[in-house]
Full PDB file with SEQRES, HELIX, SHEET, SSBOND, CRYST1, ORIGX, SCALE, CONECT and MASTER records, all heavy atoms in Angstrom:
SEQRES   1 A   29  GLY SER GLN TYR LEU MET GLU ASP PHE PHE TYR ALA GLY          
SEQRES   2 A   29  GLY LEU PRO ALA LEU MET ARG ILE ILE SER LYS PHE LEU          
SEQRES   3 A   29  SER LEU GLU                                                  
HELIX    1 AA1 MET A    6  TYR A   11  1                                   6    
HELIX    2 AA2 GLY A   14  ILE A   21  1                                   8    
HELIX    3 AA3 SER A   23  PHE A   25  5                                   3    
CRYST1    1.000    1.000    1.000  90.00  90.00  90.00 P 1           1          
ORIGX1      1.000000  0.000000  0.000000        0.00000                         
ORIGX2      0.000000  1.000000  0.000000        0.00000                         
ORIGX3      0.000000  0.000000  1.000000        0.00000                         
SCALE1      1.000000  0.000000  0.000000        0.00000                         
SCALE2      0.000000  1.000000  0.000000        0.00000                         
SCALE3      0.000000  0.000000  1.000000        0.00000                         
ATOM      1  N   GLY A   1      -1.172  -6.612  -7.708  1.00  0.00           N  
ATOM      2  CA  GLY A   1      -1.195  -6.690  -9.157  1.00  0.00           C  
ATOM      3  C   GLY A   1      -0.052  -7.537  -9.675  1.00  0.00           C  
ATOM      4  O   GLY A   1       0.851  -7.931  -8.935  1.00  0.00           O  
ATOM      5  N   SER A   2      -0.052  -7.763 -10.965  1.00  0.00           N  
ATOM      6  CA  SER A   2       0.902  -8.704 -11.536  1.00  0.00           C  
ATOM      7  C   SER A   2       2.064  -8.061 -12.266  1.00  0.00           C  
ATOM      8  O   SER A   2       3.058  -8.727 -12.546  1.00  0.00           O  
ATOM      9  CB  SER A   2       0.168  -9.634 -12.529  1.00  0.00           C  
ATOM     10  OG  SER A   2      -0.420  -8.853 -13.576  1.00  0.00           O  
ATOM     11  N   GLN A   3       1.968  -6.774 -12.559  1.00  0.00           N  
ATOM     12  CA  GLN A   3       2.955  -6.236 -13.495  1.00  0.00           C  
ATOM     13  C   GLN A   3       3.523  -4.881 -13.112  1.00  0.00           C  
ATOM     14  O   GLN A   3       4.724  -4.663 -13.188  1.00  0.00           O  
ATOM     15  CB  GLN A   3       2.322  -6.146 -14.899  1.00  0.00           C  
ATOM     16  CG  GLN A   3       3.254  -5.646 -15.990  1.00  0.00           C  
ATOM     17  CD  GLN A   3       2.600  -5.664 -17.362  1.00  0.00           C  
ATOM     18  OE1 GLN A   3       1.474  -6.124 -17.523  1.00  0.00           O  
ATOM     19  NE2 GLN A   3       3.310  -5.168 -18.368  1.00  0.00           N  
ATOM     20  N   TYR A   4       2.698  -3.937 -12.709  1.00  0.00           N  
ATOM     21  CA  TYR A   4       3.102  -2.539 -12.663  1.00  0.00           C  
ATOM     22  C   TYR A   4       3.604  -2.101 -11.286  1.00  0.00           C  
ATOM     23  O   TYR A   4       3.388  -2.766 -10.277  1.00  0.00           O  
ATOM     24  CB  TYR A   4       1.937  -1.650 -13.096  1.00  0.00           C  
ATOM     25  CG  TYR A   4       1.459  -1.944 -14.500  1.00  0.00           C  
ATOM     26  CD1 TYR A   4       0.247  -2.607 -14.712  1.00  0.00           C  
ATOM     27  CD2 TYR A   4       2.215  -1.574 -15.608  1.00  0.00           C  
ATOM     28  CE1 TYR A   4      -0.205  -2.883 -15.990  1.00  0.00           C  
ATOM     29  CE2 TYR A   4       1.772  -1.849 -16.900  1.00  0.00           C  
ATOM     30  CZ  TYR A   4       0.568  -2.497 -17.086  1.00  0.00           C  
ATOM     31  OH  TYR A   4       0.127  -2.785 -18.351  1.00  0.00           O  
ATOM     32  N   LEU A   5       4.266  -0.924 -11.289  1.00  0.00           N  
ATOM     33  CA  LEU A   5       4.797  -0.325 -10.071  1.00  0.00           C  
ATOM     34  C   LEU A   5       4.286   1.112  -9.938  1.00  0.00           C  
ATOM     35  O   LEU A   5       3.561   1.610 -10.810  1.00  0.00           O  
ATOM     36  CB  LEU A   5       6.326  -0.369 -10.088  1.00  0.00           C  
ATOM     37  CG  LEU A   5       6.923  -1.782 -10.129  1.00  0.00           C  
ATOM     38  CD1 LEU A   5       8.423  -1.733 -10.376  1.00  0.00           C  
ATOM     39  CD2 LEU A   5       6.609  -2.540  -8.836  1.00  0.00           C  
ATOM     40  N   MET A   6       4.669   1.799  -8.870  1.00  0.00           N  
ATOM     41  CA  MET A   6       4.114   3.119  -8.586  1.00  0.00           C  
ATOM     42  C   MET A   6       4.454   4.147  -9.659  1.00  0.00           C  
ATOM     43  O   MET A   6       3.670   5.069  -9.902  1.00  0.00           O  
ATOM     44  CB  MET A   6       4.590   3.603  -7.221  1.00  0.00           C  
ATOM     45  CG  MET A   6       3.927   2.894  -6.042  1.00  0.00           C  
ATOM     46  SD  MET A   6       2.129   3.028  -6.027  1.00  0.00           S  
ATOM     47  CE  MET A   6       1.910   4.786  -5.807  1.00  0.00           C  
ATOM     48  N   GLU A   7       5.593   4.019 -10.301  1.00  0.00           N  
ATOM     49  CA  GLU A   7       5.924   4.928 -11.389  1.00  0.00           C  
ATOM     50  C   GLU A   7       4.872   4.817 -12.492  1.00  0.00           C  
ATOM     51  O   GLU A   7       4.414   5.832 -13.046  1.00  0.00           O  
ATOM     52  CB  GLU A   7       7.314   4.591 -11.933  1.00  0.00           C  
ATOM     53  CG  GLU A   7       7.864   5.599 -12.913  1.00  0.00           C  
ATOM     54  CD  GLU A   7       9.288   5.259 -13.349  1.00  0.00           C  
ATOM     55  OE1 GLU A   7       9.925   4.387 -12.713  1.00  0.00           O  
ATOM     56  OE2 GLU A   7       9.751   5.852 -14.330  1.00  0.00           O  
ATOM     57  N   ASP A   8       4.473   3.586 -12.808  1.00  0.00           N  
ATOM     58  CA  ASP A   8       3.433   3.362 -13.821  1.00  0.00           C  
ATOM     59  C   ASP A   8       2.096   3.925 -13.342  1.00  0.00           C  
ATOM     60  O   ASP A   8       1.318   4.475 -14.134  1.00  0.00           O  
ATOM     61  CB  ASP A   8       3.290   1.868 -14.104  1.00  0.00           C  
ATOM     62  CG  ASP A   8       4.608   1.227 -14.495  1.00  0.00           C  
ATOM     63  OD1 ASP A   8       5.162   1.591 -15.548  1.00  0.00           O  
ATOM     64  OD2 ASP A   8       5.094   0.366 -13.732  1.00  0.00           O  
ATOM     65  N   PHE A   9       1.825   3.779 -12.050  1.00  0.00           N  
ATOM     66  CA  PHE A   9       0.583   4.293 -11.471  1.00  0.00           C  
ATOM     67  C   PHE A   9       0.517   5.814 -11.635  1.00  0.00           C  
ATOM     68  O   PHE A   9      -0.530   6.373 -11.975  1.00  0.00           O  
ATOM     69  CB  PHE A   9       0.516   3.893  -9.999  1.00  0.00           C  
ATOM     70  CG  PHE A   9      -0.744   4.308  -9.296  1.00  0.00           C  
ATOM     71  CD1 PHE A   9      -1.928   3.631  -9.510  1.00  0.00           C  
ATOM     72  CD2 PHE A   9      -0.730   5.373  -8.404  1.00  0.00           C  
ATOM     73  CE1 PHE A   9      -3.103   4.016  -8.851  1.00  0.00           C  
ATOM     74  CE2 PHE A   9      -1.890   5.763  -7.744  1.00  0.00           C  
ATOM     75  CZ  PHE A   9      -3.071   5.080  -7.977  1.00  0.00           C  
ATOM     76  N   PHE A  10       1.638   6.491 -11.417  1.00  0.00           N  
ATOM     77  CA  PHE A  10       1.695   7.947 -11.589  1.00  0.00           C  
ATOM     78  C   PHE A  10       1.406   8.326 -13.033  1.00  0.00           C  
ATOM     79  O   PHE A  10       0.590   9.222 -13.308  1.00  0.00           O  
ATOM     80  CB  PHE A  10       3.062   8.459 -11.145  1.00  0.00           C  
ATOM     81  CG  PHE A  10       3.297   9.925 -11.425  1.00  0.00           C  
ATOM     82  CD1 PHE A  10       2.558  10.892 -10.770  1.00  0.00           C  
ATOM     83  CD2 PHE A  10       4.264  10.329 -12.332  1.00  0.00           C  
ATOM     84  CE1 PHE A  10       2.774  12.248 -11.012  1.00  0.00           C  
ATOM     85  CE2 PHE A  10       4.487  11.675 -12.578  1.00  0.00           C  
ATOM     86  CZ  PHE A  10       3.738  12.635 -11.924  1.00  0.00           C  
ATOM     87  N   TYR A  11       2.063   7.648 -13.977  1.00  0.00           N  
ATOM     88  CA  TYR A  11       1.843   7.942 -15.386  1.00  0.00           C  
ATOM     89  C   TYR A  11       0.404   7.660 -15.817  1.00  0.00           C  
ATOM     90  O   TYR A  11      -0.110   8.280 -16.751  1.00  0.00           O  
ATOM     91  CB  TYR A  11       2.790   7.110 -16.269  1.00  0.00           C  
ATOM     92  CG  TYR A  11       4.257   7.364 -16.035  1.00  0.00           C  
ATOM     93  CD1 TYR A  11       5.186   6.329 -16.181  1.00  0.00           C  
ATOM     94  CD2 TYR A  11       4.727   8.618 -15.670  1.00  0.00           C  
ATOM     95  CE1 TYR A  11       6.534   6.546 -15.969  1.00  0.00           C  
ATOM     96  CE2 TYR A  11       6.068   8.840 -15.449  1.00  0.00           C  
ATOM     97  CZ  TYR A  11       6.984   7.798 -15.606  1.00  0.00           C  
ATOM     98  OH  TYR A  11       8.317   8.013 -15.376  1.00  0.00           O  
ATOM     99  N   ALA A  12      -0.245   6.723 -15.132  1.00  0.00           N  
ATOM    100  CA  ALA A  12      -1.620   6.348 -15.488  1.00  0.00           C  
ATOM    101  C   ALA A  12      -2.662   7.315 -14.934  1.00  0.00           C  
ATOM    102  O   ALA A  12      -3.853   7.162 -15.213  1.00  0.00           O  
ATOM    103  CB  ALA A  12      -1.919   4.937 -14.993  1.00  0.00           C  
ATOM    104  N   GLY A  13      -2.230   8.293 -14.154  1.00  0.00           N  
ATOM    105  CA  GLY A  13      -3.154   9.279 -13.607  1.00  0.00           C  
ATOM    106  C   GLY A  13      -3.069   9.464 -12.117  1.00  0.00           C  
ATOM    107  O   GLY A  13      -3.617  10.419 -11.561  1.00  0.00           O  
ATOM    108  N   GLY A  14      -2.386   8.528 -11.439  1.00  0.00           N  
ATOM    109  CA  GLY A  14      -2.145   8.674 -10.017  1.00  0.00           C  
ATOM    110  C   GLY A  14      -3.399   8.534  -9.168  1.00  0.00           C  
ATOM    111  O   GLY A  14      -4.469   8.119  -9.626  1.00  0.00           O  
ATOM    112  N   LEU A  15      -3.262   8.903  -7.892  1.00  0.00           N  
ATOM    113  CA  LEU A  15      -4.352   8.702  -6.941  1.00  0.00           C  
ATOM    114  C   LEU A  15      -5.616   9.490  -7.300  1.00  0.00           C  
ATOM    115  O   LEU A  15      -6.726   8.961  -7.136  1.00  0.00           O  
ATOM    116  CB  LEU A  15      -3.895   9.032  -5.522  1.00  0.00           C  
ATOM    117  CG  LEU A  15      -4.862   8.538  -4.440  1.00  0.00           C  
ATOM    118  CD1 LEU A  15      -4.921   7.010  -4.422  1.00  0.00           C  
ATOM    119  CD2 LEU A  15      -4.460   9.054  -3.067  1.00  0.00           C  
ATOM    120  N   PRO A  16      -5.518  10.738  -7.804  1.00  0.00           N  
ATOM    121  CA  PRO A  16      -6.761  11.422  -8.175  1.00  0.00           C  
ATOM    122  C   PRO A  16      -7.580  10.647  -9.205  1.00  0.00           C  
ATOM    123  O   PRO A  16      -8.816  10.614  -9.126  1.00  0.00           O  
ATOM    124  CB  PRO A  16      -6.267  12.765  -8.736  1.00  0.00           C  
ATOM    125  CG  PRO A  16      -4.974  13.002  -8.019  1.00  0.00           C  
ATOM    126  CD  PRO A  16      -4.352  11.641  -7.909  1.00  0.00           C  
ATOM    127  N   ALA A  17      -6.898   9.996 -10.152  1.00  0.00           N  
ATOM    128  CA  ALA A  17      -7.612   9.214 -11.161  1.00  0.00           C  
ATOM    129  C   ALA A  17      -8.289   8.010 -10.526  1.00  0.00           C  
ATOM    130  O   ALA A  17      -9.451   7.693 -10.835  1.00  0.00           O  
ATOM    131  CB  ALA A  17      -6.649   8.775 -12.264  1.00  0.00           C  
ATOM    132  N   LEU A  18      -7.574   7.317  -9.641  1.00  0.00           N  
ATOM    133  CA  LEU A  18      -8.186   6.170  -8.959  1.00  0.00           C  
ATOM    134  C   LEU A  18      -9.381   6.610  -8.122  1.00  0.00           C  
ATOM    135  O   LEU A  18     -10.430   5.955  -8.113  1.00  0.00           O  
ATOM    136  CB  LEU A  18      -7.150   5.461  -8.087  1.00  0.00           C  
ATOM    137  CG  LEU A  18      -7.687   4.265  -7.287  1.00  0.00           C  
ATOM    138  CD1 LEU A  18      -6.713   3.095  -7.329  1.00  0.00           C  
ATOM    139  CD2 LEU A  18      -7.969   4.649  -5.830  1.00  0.00           C  
ATOM    140  N   MET A  19      -9.251   7.735  -7.432  1.00  0.00           N  
ATOM    141  CA  MET A  19     -10.338   8.207  -6.585  1.00  0.00           C  
ATOM    142  C   MET A  19     -11.560   8.595  -7.421  1.00  0.00           C  
ATOM    143  O   MET A  19     -12.700   8.395  -6.995  1.00  0.00           O  
ATOM    144  CB  MET A  19      -9.871   9.371  -5.714  1.00  0.00           C  
ATOM    145  CG  MET A  19      -8.856   8.968  -4.656  1.00  0.00           C  
ATOM    146  SD  MET A  19      -8.269  10.338  -3.631  1.00  0.00           S  
ATOM    147  CE  MET A  19      -9.688  10.609  -2.579  1.00  0.00           C  
ATOM    148  N   ARG A  20     -11.320   9.117  -8.613  1.00  0.00           N  
ATOM    149  CA  ARG A  20     -12.465   9.439  -9.460  1.00  0.00           C  
ATOM    150  C   ARG A  20     -13.192   8.162  -9.901  1.00  0.00           C  
ATOM    151  O   ARG A  20     -14.425   8.131  -9.964  1.00  0.00           O  
ATOM    152  CB  ARG A  20     -12.022  10.247 -10.681  1.00  0.00           C  
ATOM    153  CG  ARG A  20     -13.206  10.790 -11.464  1.00  0.00           C  
ATOM    154  CD  ARG A  20     -12.810  11.698 -12.586  1.00  0.00           C  
ATOM    155  NE  ARG A  20     -14.002  12.235 -13.233  1.00  0.00           N  
ATOM    156  CZ  ARG A  20     -14.008  12.901 -14.360  1.00  0.00           C  
ATOM    157  NH1 ARG A  20     -12.859  13.159 -14.985  1.00  0.00           N  
ATOM    158  NH2 ARG A  20     -15.137  13.346 -14.894  1.00  0.00           N  
ATOM    159  N   ILE A  21     -12.424   7.114 -10.173  1.00  0.00           N  
ATOM    160  CA  ILE A  21     -13.041   5.842 -10.574  1.00  0.00           C  
ATOM    161  C   ILE A  21     -13.924   5.284  -9.453  1.00  0.00           C  
ATOM    162  O   ILE A  21     -14.998   4.731  -9.706  1.00  0.00           O  
ATOM    163  CB  ILE A  21     -11.968   4.812 -10.972  1.00  0.00           C  
ATOM    164  CG1 ILE A  21     -11.227   5.254 -12.232  1.00  0.00           C  
ATOM    165  CG2 ILE A  21     -12.579   3.431 -11.174  1.00  0.00           C  
ATOM    166  CD1 ILE A  21     -12.077   5.331 -13.466  1.00  0.00           C  
ATOM    167  N   ILE A  22     -13.467   5.419  -8.212  1.00  0.00           N  
ATOM    168  CA  ILE A  22     -14.245   4.871  -7.086  1.00  0.00           C  
ATOM    169  C   ILE A  22     -15.071   5.951  -6.396  1.00  0.00           C  
ATOM    170  O   ILE A  22     -15.484   5.785  -5.240  1.00  0.00           O  
ATOM    171  CB  ILE A  22     -13.330   4.170  -6.062  1.00  0.00           C  
ATOM    172  CG1 ILE A  22     -12.372   5.170  -5.374  1.00  0.00           C  
ATOM    173  CG2 ILE A  22     -12.545   3.031  -6.710  1.00  0.00           C  
ATOM    174  CD1 ILE A  22     -11.686   4.595  -4.138  1.00  0.00           C  
ATOM    175  N   SER A  23     -15.354   7.042  -7.079  1.00  0.00           N  
ATOM    176  CA  SER A  23     -15.994   8.201  -6.440  1.00  0.00           C  
ATOM    177  C   SER A  23     -17.354   7.871  -5.833  1.00  0.00           C  
ATOM    178  O   SER A  23     -17.769   8.501  -4.857  1.00  0.00           O  
ATOM    179  CB  SER A  23     -16.135   9.355  -7.437  1.00  0.00           C  
ATOM    180  OG  SER A  23     -16.904   8.967  -8.563  1.00  0.00           O  
ATOM    181  N   LYS A  24     -18.049   6.855  -6.367  1.00  0.00           N  
ATOM    182  CA  LYS A  24     -19.358   6.515  -5.793  1.00  0.00           C  
ATOM    183  C   LYS A  24     -19.230   5.913  -4.389  1.00  0.00           C  
ATOM    184  O   LYS A  24     -20.204   5.845  -3.651  1.00  0.00           O  
ATOM    185  CB  LYS A  24     -20.108   5.563  -6.710  1.00  0.00           C  
ATOM    186  CG  LYS A  24     -19.569   4.143  -6.774  1.00  0.00           C  
ATOM    187  CD  LYS A  24     -20.475   3.277  -7.654  1.00  0.00           C  
ATOM    188  CE  LYS A  24     -20.040   1.819  -7.668  1.00  0.00           C  
ATOM    189  NZ  LYS A  24     -20.959   0.976  -8.467  1.00  0.00           N  
ATOM    190  N   PHE A  25     -18.004   5.515  -4.026  1.00  0.00           N  
ATOM    191  CA  PHE A  25     -17.756   4.977  -2.685  1.00  0.00           C  
ATOM    192  C   PHE A  25     -17.216   6.027  -1.729  1.00  0.00           C  
ATOM    193  O   PHE A  25     -16.935   5.714  -0.570  1.00  0.00           O  
ATOM    194  CB  PHE A  25     -16.762   3.819  -2.748  1.00  0.00           C  
ATOM    195  CG  PHE A  25     -17.176   2.691  -3.659  1.00  0.00           C  
ATOM    196  CD1 PHE A  25     -16.346   2.268  -4.675  1.00  0.00           C  
ATOM    197  CD2 PHE A  25     -18.391   2.052  -3.491  1.00  0.00           C  
ATOM    198  CE1 PHE A  25     -16.710   1.235  -5.514  1.00  0.00           C  
ATOM    199  CE2 PHE A  25     -18.771   1.012  -4.326  1.00  0.00           C  
ATOM    200  CZ  PHE A  25     -17.933   0.605  -5.345  1.00  0.00           C  
ATOM    201  N   LEU A  26     -17.048   7.261  -2.205  1.00  0.00           N  
ATOM    202  CA  LEU A  26     -16.381   8.297  -1.412  1.00  0.00           C  
ATOM    203  C   LEU A  26     -17.351   9.378  -0.957  1.00  0.00           C  
ATOM    204  O   LEU A  26     -18.377   9.635  -1.599  1.00  0.00           O  
ATOM    205  CB  LEU A  26     -15.261   8.952  -2.236  1.00  0.00           C  
ATOM    206  CG  LEU A  26     -14.167   8.038  -2.779  1.00  0.00           C  
ATOM    207  CD1 LEU A  26     -13.181   8.854  -3.613  1.00  0.00           C  
ATOM    208  CD2 LEU A  26     -13.438   7.331  -1.643  1.00  0.00           C  
ATOM    209  N   SER A  27     -16.986  10.026   0.132  1.00  0.00           N  
ATOM    210  CA  SER A  27     -17.660  11.243   0.573  1.00  0.00           C  
ATOM    211  C   SER A  27     -16.921  12.414  -0.057  1.00  0.00           C  
ATOM    212  O   SER A  27     -15.812  12.761   0.349  1.00  0.00           O  
ATOM    213  CB  SER A  27     -17.619  11.336   2.102  1.00  0.00           C  
ATOM    214  OG  SER A  27     -18.153  12.567   2.537  1.00  0.00           O  
ATOM    215  N   LEU A  28     -17.526  13.019  -1.055  1.00  0.00           N  
ATOM    216  CA  LEU A  28     -16.834  13.992  -1.902  1.00  0.00           C  
ATOM    217  C   LEU A  28     -16.818  15.397  -1.327  1.00  0.00           C  
ATOM    218  O   LEU A  28     -16.146  16.271  -1.869  1.00  0.00           O  
ATOM    219  CB  LEU A  28     -17.469  14.012  -3.297  1.00  0.00           C  
ATOM    220  CG  LEU A  28     -17.419  12.680  -4.053  1.00  0.00           C  
ATOM    221  CD1 LEU A  28     -18.124  12.819  -5.409  1.00  0.00           C  
ATOM    222  CD2 LEU A  28     -15.983  12.218  -4.258  1.00  0.00           C  
ATOM    223  N   GLU A  29     -17.527  15.636  -0.234  1.00  0.00           N  
ATOM    224  CA  GLU A  29     -17.603  16.979   0.341  1.00  0.00           C  
ATOM    225  C   GLU A  29     -16.552  17.234   1.413  1.00  0.00           C  
ATOM    226  O   GLU A  29     -16.510  18.318   1.996  1.00  0.00           O  
ATOM    227  CB  GLU A  29     -18.998  17.216   0.928  1.00  0.00           C  
ATOM    228  CG  GLU A  29     -20.117  17.141  -0.098  1.00  0.00           C  
ATOM    229  CD  GLU A  29     -19.873  18.083  -1.278  1.00  0.00           C  
ATOM    230  OE1 GLU A  29     -19.555  19.262  -1.024  1.00  0.00           O  
ATOM    231  OE2 GLU A  29     -20.001  17.639  -2.428  1.00  0.00           O  
TER     232      GLU A  29                                                      
MASTER        0    0    0    3    0    0    0    6  231    1    0    3          
END                                                                             
């Protein structure tokens, strides 16, 4: 990316938020 760091990623919702966005690519069980 061009701008942000992991602190910003945490404030933006962190890994659970990213995983929900890509949930159609995941095995949720």
